[in-house]
Amino acid sequence: MRILLTLITVSISALLSAQSLFGETLLSQADIDWLIDQNQLGPHLSSPTDDDKSWESYDRWQCFKVANIDLQCATYDNSIEVPGLVIEDHKHTFLFDTHLEDRLNCKQTIDTWNELLFDSIEACILAAEMPGVFDESDEISLWYIHAIKTEYGYWTRKGATTPLNE
């Protein structure tokens, strides 16, 4: 029962955050249903099983003006580059990175995202927050991307489906 309530809360808060930034969001009911289906599979991120403080982070949709999105390569482990988005919105900085284990070519992925974002007004990002990276007082957060949607289509992480091909 607790899991079901968490999923409902996550999906409702995701829908509300998308609609609160824009009067008409580009998310459809299929996108919300997809979010619910993805979250029913379990958390997108979670603590190691031997961690003293366990945590789970579920995906949620967040929508932003494309003009606020900066595409860049984030460097992990002093040498591995992963594609990411940096978004400054309402005095908060969102860092959206892809998963290191996906081993995406940064330049190719950025080129794909540029095509998807070109001439778009808004983009919605399906991602889960990585807790504990920054102090809660900081106006910055780190998220790991599952999907990006614009009015021109979707980009999803390796092996993921979209509402169009489920």
N, C-alpha and C. Protein backbone atom coordinates (compact mmCIF):
# COMPACT_ATOMS: atom_id res chain seq x y z
N MET A 1 0.82 -1.19 0.00
CA MET A 1 0.00 0.00 0.00
C MET A 1 0.87 1.26 0.00
N ARG A 2 1.96 1.24 0.79
CA ARG A 2 2.85 2.40 0.87
C ARG A 2 3.46 2.70 -0.50
N ILE A 3 3.85 1.66 -1.24
CA ILE A 3 4.45 1.85 -2.55
C ILE A 3 3.46 2.50 -3.49
N LEU A 4 2.22 2.05 -3.48
CA LEU A 4 1.20 2.62 -4.34
C LEU A 4 0.99 4.10 -4.02
N LEU A 5 0.93 4.46 -2.75
CA LEU A 5 0.76 5.86 -2.36
C LEU A 5 1.95 6.69 -2.82
N THR A 6 3.16 6.15 -2.70
CA THR A 6 4.35 6.86 -3.15
C THR A 6 4.28 7.09 -4.65
N LEU A 7 3.88 6.08 -5.39
CA LEU A 7 3.79 6.22 -6.85
C LEU A 7 2.76 7.26 -7.25
N ILE A 8 1.64 7.26 -6.57
CA ILE A 8 0.60 8.25 -6.88
C ILE A 8 1.11 9.65 -6.56
N THR A 9 1.77 9.81 -5.41
CA THR A 9 2.32 11.11 -5.03
C THR A 9 3.37 11.57 -6.03
N VAL A 10 4.26 10.67 -6.42
CA VAL A 10 5.31 11.02 -7.38
C VAL A 10 4.70 11.43 -8.71
N SER A 11 3.73 10.66 -9.21
CA SER A 11 3.17 10.98 -10.51
C SER A 11 2.36 12.28 -10.48
N ILE A 12 1.63 12.53 -9.41
CA ILE A 12 0.86 13.76 -9.30
C ILE A 12 1.79 14.95 -9.17
N SER A 13 2.83 14.84 -8.34
CA SER A 13 3.77 15.96 -8.21
C SER A 13 4.50 16.21 -9.52
N ALA A 14 4.78 15.16 -10.26
CA ALA A 14 5.44 15.34 -11.56
C ALA A 14 4.53 16.09 -12.53
N LEU A 15 3.28 15.72 -12.57
CA LEU A 15 2.34 16.40 -13.45
C LEU A 15 2.20 17.86 -13.03
N LEU A 16 2.09 18.11 -11.75
CA LEU A 16 1.92 19.49 -11.27
C LEU A 16 3.15 20.33 -11.55
N SER A 17 4.36 19.78 -11.38
CA SER A 17 5.55 20.59 -11.64
C SER A 17 5.65 20.93 -13.12
N ALA A 18 5.23 20.03 -13.97
CA ALA A 18 5.26 20.31 -15.41
C ALA A 18 4.25 21.39 -15.76
N GLN A 19 3.07 21.33 -15.19
CA GLN A 19 2.05 22.29 -15.54
C GLN A 19 2.23 23.62 -14.83
N SER A 20 2.94 23.65 -13.71
CA SER A 20 3.08 24.91 -13.00
C SER A 20 4.02 25.86 -13.72
N LEU A 21 4.95 25.34 -14.52
CA LEU A 21 5.89 26.19 -15.23
C LEU A 21 5.29 26.75 -16.51
N PHE A 22 4.33 26.04 -17.10
CA PHE A 22 3.73 26.45 -18.36
C PHE A 22 2.23 26.19 -18.30
N GLY A 23 1.47 27.10 -18.88
CA GLY A 23 0.03 26.93 -18.88
C GLY A 23 -0.39 25.65 -19.58
N GLU A 24 0.14 25.43 -20.76
CA GLU A 24 -0.14 24.21 -21.51
C GLU A 24 1.15 23.42 -21.62
N THR A 25 1.20 22.27 -21.04
CA THR A 25 2.41 21.47 -21.10
C THR A 25 2.36 20.54 -22.30
N LEU A 26 3.51 20.15 -22.78
CA LEU A 26 3.53 19.23 -23.92
C LEU A 26 3.41 17.78 -23.47
N LEU A 27 3.32 17.55 -22.17
CA LEU A 27 3.12 16.19 -21.68
C LEU A 27 1.69 15.75 -21.92
N SER A 28 1.55 14.54 -22.39
CA SER A 28 0.23 13.97 -22.64
C SER A 28 -0.13 13.01 -21.51
N GLN A 29 -1.34 12.53 -21.53
CA GLN A 29 -1.74 11.52 -20.55
C GLN A 29 -0.88 10.27 -20.72
N ALA A 30 -0.49 9.95 -21.96
CA ALA A 30 0.38 8.80 -22.20
C ALA A 30 1.73 8.97 -21.50
N ASP A 31 2.25 10.21 -21.46
CA ASP A 31 3.51 10.46 -20.76
C ASP A 31 3.36 10.24 -19.26
N ILE A 32 2.25 10.67 -18.71
CA ILE A 32 2.00 10.49 -17.27
C ILE A 32 1.81 9.00 -16.98
N ASP A 33 1.07 8.30 -17.83
CA ASP A 33 0.89 6.86 -17.65
C ASP A 33 2.22 6.12 -17.74
N TRP A 34 3.07 6.57 -18.68
CA TRP A 34 4.40 5.97 -18.83
C TRP A 34 5.22 6.17 -17.56
N LEU A 35 5.16 7.37 -17.00
CA LEU A 35 5.86 7.66 -15.74
C LEU A 35 5.40 6.71 -14.64
N ILE A 36 4.11 6.53 -14.52
CA ILE A 36 3.56 5.63 -13.50
C ILE A 36 4.06 4.21 -13.74
N ASP A 37 4.04 3.76 -15.01
CA ASP A 37 4.53 2.41 -15.33
C ASP A 37 6.01 2.26 -15.00
N GLN A 38 6.82 3.27 -15.34
CA GLN A 38 8.25 3.21 -15.04
C GLN A 38 8.49 3.15 -13.53
N ASN A 39 7.76 3.94 -12.78
CA ASN A 39 7.96 3.97 -11.33
C ASN A 39 7.44 2.72 -10.64
N GLN A 40 6.47 2.03 -11.26
CA GLN A 40 6.00 0.78 -10.69
C GLN A 40 7.07 -0.31 -10.78
N LEU A 41 8.02 -0.13 -11.71
CA LEU A 41 9.13 -1.09 -11.84
C LEU A 41 10.13 -0.95 -10.69
N GLY A 42 10.06 0.16 -9.98
CA GLY A 42 10.96 0.42 -8.86
C GLY A 42 11.65 1.75 -9.03
N PRO A 43 12.47 2.13 -8.05
CA PRO A 43 13.12 3.43 -8.13
C PRO A 43 14.14 3.47 -9.27
N HIS A 44 14.32 4.65 -9.83
CA HIS A 44 15.33 4.87 -10.86
C HIS A 44 16.71 4.82 -10.22
N LEU A 45 16.83 5.35 -9.01
CA LEU A 45 18.08 5.36 -8.25
C LEU A 45 17.79 4.89 -6.83
N SER A 46 18.77 4.23 -6.22
CA SER A 46 18.61 3.85 -4.82
C SER A 46 19.98 3.66 -4.19
N SER A 47 20.00 3.69 -2.86
CA SER A 47 21.25 3.54 -2.13
C SER A 47 21.74 2.10 -2.24
N PRO A 48 23.04 1.90 -2.04
CA PRO A 48 23.55 0.52 -1.97
C PRO A 48 22.88 -0.21 -0.82
N THR A 49 22.74 -1.50 -0.94
CA THR A 49 22.03 -2.27 0.10
C THR A 49 22.74 -2.23 1.44
N ASP A 50 24.06 -2.00 1.44
CA ASP A 50 24.79 -1.97 2.72
C ASP A 50 24.92 -0.56 3.29
N ASP A 51 24.23 0.40 2.70
CA ASP A 51 24.28 1.79 3.16
C ASP A 51 23.47 1.94 4.44
N ASP A 52 24.02 2.68 5.42
CA ASP A 52 23.32 2.90 6.69
C ASP A 52 22.02 3.69 6.51
N LYS A 53 22.05 4.66 5.60
CA LYS A 53 20.87 5.47 5.34
C LYS A 53 20.34 5.11 3.95
N SER A 54 19.31 4.29 3.92
CA SER A 54 18.79 3.89 2.62
C SER A 54 17.89 4.99 2.05
N TRP A 55 17.89 5.08 0.73
CA TRP A 55 17.06 6.06 0.04
C TRP A 55 16.68 5.51 -1.33
N GLU A 56 15.62 6.06 -1.87
CA GLU A 56 15.16 5.73 -3.22
C GLU A 56 14.75 7.01 -3.91
N SER A 57 14.97 7.07 -5.21
CA SER A 57 14.59 8.24 -5.99
C SER A 57 13.87 7.78 -7.24
N TYR A 58 12.65 8.27 -7.40
CA TYR A 58 11.82 7.89 -8.54
C TYR A 58 11.86 8.98 -9.61
N ASP A 59 11.59 8.57 -10.84
CA ASP A 59 11.53 9.52 -11.94
C ASP A 59 10.39 10.50 -11.75
N ARG A 60 10.57 11.71 -12.29
CA ARG A 60 9.49 12.68 -12.40
C ARG A 60 9.75 13.55 -13.60
N TRP A 61 8.70 14.02 -14.20
CA TRP A 61 8.80 14.95 -15.34
C TRP A 61 8.97 16.36 -14.81
N GLN A 62 9.88 17.11 -15.43
CA GLN A 62 10.04 18.54 -15.16
C GLN A 62 10.20 19.22 -16.51
N CYS A 63 9.49 20.32 -16.70
CA CYS A 63 9.52 21.02 -17.99
C CYS A 63 10.17 22.40 -17.83
N PHE A 64 10.95 22.77 -18.85
CA PHE A 64 11.70 24.02 -18.82
C PHE A 64 11.65 24.69 -20.18
N LYS A 65 11.88 25.99 -20.19
CA LYS A 65 12.04 26.71 -21.44
C LYS A 65 13.38 26.30 -22.06
N VAL A 66 13.38 26.00 -23.34
CA VAL A 66 14.60 25.58 -24.01
C VAL A 66 15.67 26.66 -23.93
N ALA A 67 15.27 27.92 -23.91
CA ALA A 67 16.23 29.02 -23.82
C ALA A 67 17.07 28.93 -22.54
N ASN A 68 16.59 28.24 -21.51
CA ASN A 68 17.32 28.10 -20.25
C ASN A 68 18.22 26.87 -20.19
N ILE A 69 18.24 26.08 -21.27
CA ILE A 69 18.98 24.81 -21.28
C ILE A 69 20.33 24.99 -21.95
N ASP A 70 21.37 24.54 -21.24
CA ASP A 70 22.72 24.54 -21.79
C ASP A 70 23.18 23.08 -21.87
N LEU A 71 23.59 22.65 -23.04
CA LEU A 71 24.07 21.28 -23.24
C LEU A 71 25.58 21.27 -23.03
N GLN A 72 26.07 20.28 -22.28
CA GLN A 72 27.50 20.19 -22.06
C GLN A 72 27.90 18.79 -21.66
N CYS A 73 29.20 18.54 -21.69
CA CYS A 73 29.74 17.27 -21.24
C CYS A 73 30.22 17.43 -19.80
N ALA A 74 29.73 16.57 -18.92
CA ALA A 74 30.17 16.56 -17.53
C ALA A 74 31.29 15.53 -17.41
N THR A 75 32.30 15.85 -16.63
CA THR A 75 33.43 14.93 -16.48
C THR A 75 33.32 14.19 -15.16
N TYR A 76 33.39 12.86 -15.25
CA TYR A 76 33.36 11.98 -14.08
C TYR A 76 34.70 11.25 -13.99
N ASP A 77 35.11 10.94 -12.79
CA ASP A 77 36.34 10.17 -12.55
C ASP A 77 37.53 10.78 -13.28
N ASN A 78 37.58 12.10 -13.34
CA ASN A 78 38.68 12.86 -13.94
C ASN A 78 38.91 12.64 -15.43
N SER A 79 38.11 11.83 -16.09
CA SER A 79 38.35 11.64 -17.52
C SER A 79 37.15 11.21 -18.34
N ILE A 80 36.16 10.64 -17.73
CA ILE A 80 35.01 10.13 -18.48
C ILE A 80 33.98 11.23 -18.65
N GLU A 81 33.66 11.54 -19.90
CA GLU A 81 32.67 12.58 -20.18
C GLU A 81 31.31 11.95 -20.42
N VAL A 82 30.29 12.55 -19.83
CA VAL A 82 28.91 12.12 -20.07
C VAL A 82 28.10 13.33 -20.51
N PRO A 83 27.16 13.12 -21.43
CA PRO A 83 26.31 14.23 -21.86
C PRO A 83 25.42 14.69 -20.73
N GLY A 84 25.22 16.00 -20.66
CA GLY A 84 24.36 16.54 -19.62
C GLY A 84 23.73 17.85 -20.02
N LEU A 85 22.74 18.25 -19.24
CA LEU A 85 22.07 19.53 -19.43
C LEU A 85 22.20 20.32 -18.14
N VAL A 86 22.46 21.60 -18.27
CA VAL A 86 22.48 22.50 -17.12
C VAL A 86 21.36 23.50 -17.34
N ILE A 87 20.49 23.62 -16.35
CA ILE A 87 19.33 24.50 -16.48
C ILE A 87 19.27 25.42 -15.27
N GLU A 88 19.28 26.71 -15.53
CA GLU A 88 19.11 27.71 -14.47
C GLU A 88 17.67 28.17 -14.55
N ASP A 89 16.93 27.95 -13.48
CA ASP A 89 15.51 28.24 -13.49
C ASP A 89 15.08 28.69 -12.09
N HIS A 90 14.52 29.88 -11.99
CA HIS A 90 14.02 30.39 -10.72
C HIS A 90 15.06 30.29 -9.60
N LYS A 91 16.26 30.76 -9.87
CA LYS A 91 17.37 30.81 -8.90
C LYS A 91 17.85 29.42 -8.47
N HIS A 92 17.49 28.40 -9.20
CA HIS A 92 17.95 27.04 -8.91
C HIS A 92 18.68 26.51 -10.14
N THR A 93 19.78 25.80 -9.91
CA THR A 93 20.50 25.17 -11.01
C THR A 93 20.25 23.67 -10.96
N PHE A 94 19.75 23.15 -12.08
CA PHE A 94 19.50 21.72 -12.23
C PHE A 94 20.62 21.15 -13.10
N LEU A 95 21.30 20.14 -12.61
CA LEU A 95 22.28 19.41 -13.40
C LEU A 95 21.65 18.08 -13.78
N PHE A 96 21.41 17.88 -15.06
CA PHE A 96 20.84 16.63 -15.55
C PHE A 96 21.93 15.90 -16.32
N ASP A 97 22.38 14.77 -15.81
CA ASP A 97 23.41 13.97 -16.46
C ASP A 97 22.85 12.64 -16.90
N THR A 98 23.51 12.05 -17.89
CA THR A 98 23.17 10.68 -18.28
C THR A 98 23.93 9.73 -17.36
N HIS A 99 23.56 8.49 -17.40
CA HIS A 99 24.21 7.49 -16.56
C HIS A 99 25.58 7.14 -17.10
N LEU A 100 26.55 7.11 -16.22
CA LEU A 100 27.93 6.77 -16.58
C LEU A 100 27.98 5.40 -17.27
N GLU A 101 27.22 4.45 -16.76
CA GLU A 101 27.26 3.09 -17.29
C GLU A 101 26.66 2.97 -18.71
N ASP A 102 25.92 3.97 -19.15
CA ASP A 102 25.40 3.94 -20.52
C ASP A 102 26.50 4.16 -21.56
N ARG A 103 27.62 4.74 -21.13
CA ARG A 103 28.79 4.95 -21.99
C ARG A 103 28.42 5.63 -23.31
N LEU A 104 27.67 6.70 -23.20
CA LEU A 104 27.26 7.44 -24.40
C LEU A 104 28.40 8.33 -24.89
N ASN A 105 28.50 8.43 -26.20
CA ASN A 105 29.46 9.36 -26.79
C ASN A 105 28.91 10.76 -26.56
N CYS A 106 29.66 11.59 -25.85
CA CYS A 106 29.14 12.89 -25.45
C CYS A 106 28.80 13.76 -26.66
N LYS A 107 29.71 13.90 -27.59
CA LYS A 107 29.47 14.77 -28.75
C LYS A 107 28.27 14.30 -29.56
N GLN A 108 28.18 13.00 -29.82
CA GLN A 108 27.06 12.48 -30.61
C GLN A 108 25.73 12.70 -29.90
N THR A 109 25.71 12.49 -28.59
CA THR A 109 24.47 12.67 -27.83
C THR A 109 24.07 14.14 -27.81
N ILE A 110 25.04 15.04 -27.60
CA ILE A 110 24.76 16.48 -27.61
C ILE A 110 24.21 16.88 -28.98
N ASP A 111 24.78 16.35 -30.06
CA ASP A 111 24.28 16.65 -31.41
C ASP A 111 22.82 16.18 -31.56
N THR A 112 22.52 14.99 -31.05
CA THR A 112 21.15 14.46 -31.11
C THR A 112 20.21 15.36 -30.32
N TRP A 113 20.63 15.77 -29.12
CA TRP A 113 19.79 16.65 -28.30
C TRP A 113 19.60 18.00 -28.98
N ASN A 114 20.64 18.52 -29.60
CA ASN A 114 20.50 19.80 -30.32
C ASN A 114 19.43 19.71 -31.40
N GLU A 115 19.41 18.61 -32.13
CA GLU A 115 18.38 18.42 -33.16
C GLU A 115 16.99 18.36 -32.54
N LEU A 116 16.86 17.66 -31.42
CA LEU A 116 15.57 17.53 -30.75
C LEU A 116 15.09 18.88 -30.19
N LEU A 117 16.03 19.67 -29.67
CA LEU A 117 15.69 20.95 -29.05
C LEU A 117 15.55 22.10 -30.04
N PHE A 118 16.11 21.94 -31.25
CA PHE A 118 16.10 23.01 -32.23
C PHE A 118 14.67 23.47 -32.53
N ASP A 119 14.43 24.75 -32.43
CA ASP A 119 13.12 25.37 -32.68
C ASP A 119 12.05 24.99 -31.65
N SER A 120 12.44 24.30 -30.57
CA SER A 120 11.48 23.95 -29.52
C SER A 120 11.37 25.11 -28.54
N ILE A 121 10.22 25.26 -27.97
CA ILE A 121 9.99 26.28 -26.96
C ILE A 121 10.26 25.72 -25.57
N GLU A 122 9.82 24.49 -25.36
CA GLU A 122 10.01 23.87 -24.06
C GLU A 122 10.46 22.42 -24.23
N ALA A 123 11.09 21.91 -23.18
CA ALA A 123 11.50 20.51 -23.13
C ALA A 123 11.14 19.98 -21.76
N CYS A 124 10.67 18.75 -21.74
CA CYS A 124 10.37 18.08 -20.48
C CYS A 124 11.38 16.96 -20.30
N ILE A 125 11.88 16.84 -19.08
CA ILE A 125 12.92 15.88 -18.78
C ILE A 125 12.39 14.93 -17.71
N LEU A 126 12.48 13.65 -18.00
CA LEU A 126 12.11 12.61 -17.04
C LEU A 126 13.40 12.16 -16.36
N ALA A 127 13.50 12.40 -15.05
CA ALA A 127 14.74 12.11 -14.34
C ALA A 127 14.47 11.88 -12.87
N ALA A 128 15.47 11.30 -12.21
CA ALA A 128 15.41 11.08 -10.77
C ALA A 128 16.55 11.84 -10.11
N GLU A 129 16.27 12.42 -8.95
CA GLU A 129 17.28 13.20 -8.26
C GLU A 129 18.24 12.30 -7.49
N MET A 130 19.51 12.66 -7.54
CA MET A 130 20.55 11.99 -6.75
C MET A 130 20.69 12.77 -5.45
N PRO A 131 20.17 12.26 -4.35
CA PRO A 131 20.21 13.02 -3.09
C PRO A 131 21.60 13.03 -2.48
N GLY A 132 21.84 14.04 -1.65
CA GLY A 132 23.06 14.09 -0.86
C GLY A 132 24.32 14.55 -1.57
N VAL A 133 24.22 14.98 -2.82
CA VAL A 133 25.40 15.44 -3.54
C VAL A 133 25.77 16.85 -3.11
N PHE A 134 24.75 17.69 -2.92
CA PHE A 134 24.95 19.08 -2.51
C PHE A 134 24.23 19.31 -1.19
N ASP A 135 24.66 20.34 -0.46
CA ASP A 135 23.95 20.72 0.76
C ASP A 135 22.54 21.14 0.40
N GLU A 136 21.61 20.83 1.28
CA GLU A 136 20.21 21.19 1.01
C GLU A 136 20.03 22.70 0.89
N SER A 137 20.92 23.47 1.51
CA SER A 137 20.81 24.93 1.41
C SER A 137 21.29 25.47 0.06
N ASP A 138 22.03 24.65 -0.67
CA ASP A 138 22.49 25.07 -2.00
C ASP A 138 21.32 25.11 -2.96
N GLU A 139 21.41 25.98 -3.91
CA GLU A 139 20.37 26.10 -4.94
C GLU A 139 20.77 25.29 -6.17
N ILE A 140 21.19 24.04 -5.95
CA ILE A 140 21.65 23.19 -7.04
C ILE A 140 21.28 21.74 -6.74
N SER A 141 20.94 20.99 -7.78
CA SER A 141 20.60 19.58 -7.60
C SER A 141 21.08 18.78 -8.80
N LEU A 142 21.37 17.51 -8.56
CA LEU A 142 21.84 16.59 -9.60
C LEU A 142 20.76 15.55 -9.88
N TRP A 143 20.46 15.37 -11.17
CA TRP A 143 19.43 14.44 -11.61
C TRP A 143 20.00 13.52 -12.68
N TYR A 144 19.49 12.29 -12.76
CA TYR A 144 19.90 11.37 -13.80
C TYR A 144 18.74 11.14 -14.76
N ILE A 145 19.04 11.37 -16.04
CA ILE A 145 18.02 11.41 -17.10
C ILE A 145 17.57 10.03 -17.53
N HIS A 146 16.28 9.91 -17.69
CA HIS A 146 15.66 8.72 -18.28
C HIS A 146 15.17 9.06 -19.69
N ALA A 147 14.61 10.27 -19.86
CA ALA A 147 14.08 10.67 -21.18
C ALA A 147 13.97 12.18 -21.28
N ILE A 148 13.93 12.65 -22.52
CA ILE A 148 13.69 14.06 -22.82
C ILE A 148 12.58 14.09 -23.87
N LYS A 149 11.66 15.04 -23.72
CA LYS A 149 10.59 15.17 -24.70
C LYS A 149 10.46 16.64 -25.12
N THR A 150 10.33 16.86 -26.41
CA THR A 150 9.96 18.16 -26.96
C THR A 150 8.77 17.92 -27.88
N GLU A 151 8.29 19.00 -28.50
CA GLU A 151 7.17 18.81 -29.43
C GLU A 151 7.59 18.01 -30.67
N TYR A 152 8.90 17.77 -30.84
CA TYR A 152 9.41 17.03 -32.00
C TYR A 152 9.70 15.57 -31.71
N GLY A 153 9.52 15.13 -30.47
CA GLY A 153 9.73 13.73 -30.17
C GLY A 153 10.45 13.50 -28.86
N TYR A 154 11.00 12.28 -28.74
CA TYR A 154 11.63 11.83 -27.50
C TYR A 154 13.08 11.44 -27.74
N TRP A 155 13.87 11.56 -26.66
CA TRP A 155 15.16 10.89 -26.55
C TRP A 155 15.06 10.10 -25.26
N THR A 156 15.50 8.82 -25.29
CA THR A 156 15.49 8.01 -24.08
C THR A 156 16.85 7.36 -23.88
N ARG A 157 17.14 7.03 -22.64
CA ARG A 157 18.40 6.35 -22.35
C ARG A 157 18.37 4.97 -22.97
N LYS A 158 19.52 4.39 -23.12
CA LYS A 158 19.66 3.10 -23.80
C LYS A 158 18.68 2.07 -23.24
N GLY A 159 17.99 1.40 -24.14
CA GLY A 159 17.11 0.31 -23.75
C GLY A 159 15.74 0.73 -23.25
N ALA A 160 15.49 2.03 -23.11
CA ALA A 160 14.21 2.49 -22.59
C ALA A 160 13.18 2.62 -23.72
N THR A 161 11.93 2.50 -23.34
CA THR A 161 10.84 2.69 -24.30
C THR A 161 10.32 4.11 -24.15
N THR A 162 9.40 4.50 -25.02
CA THR A 162 8.68 5.75 -24.88
C THR A 162 7.19 5.41 -24.92
N PRO A 163 6.32 6.37 -24.61
CA PRO A 163 4.90 6.10 -24.73
C PRO A 163 4.50 5.73 -26.16
N LEU A 164 5.32 6.11 -27.13
CA LEU A 164 5.01 5.82 -28.53
C LEU A 164 5.31 4.39 -28.93
N ASN A 165 6.27 3.74 -28.24
CA ASN A 165 6.64 2.39 -28.66
C ASN A 165 6.45 1.34 -27.58
N GLU A 166 5.66 1.64 -26.57
CA GLU A 166 5.41 0.64 -25.53
C GLU A 166 4.46 -0.41 -26.03
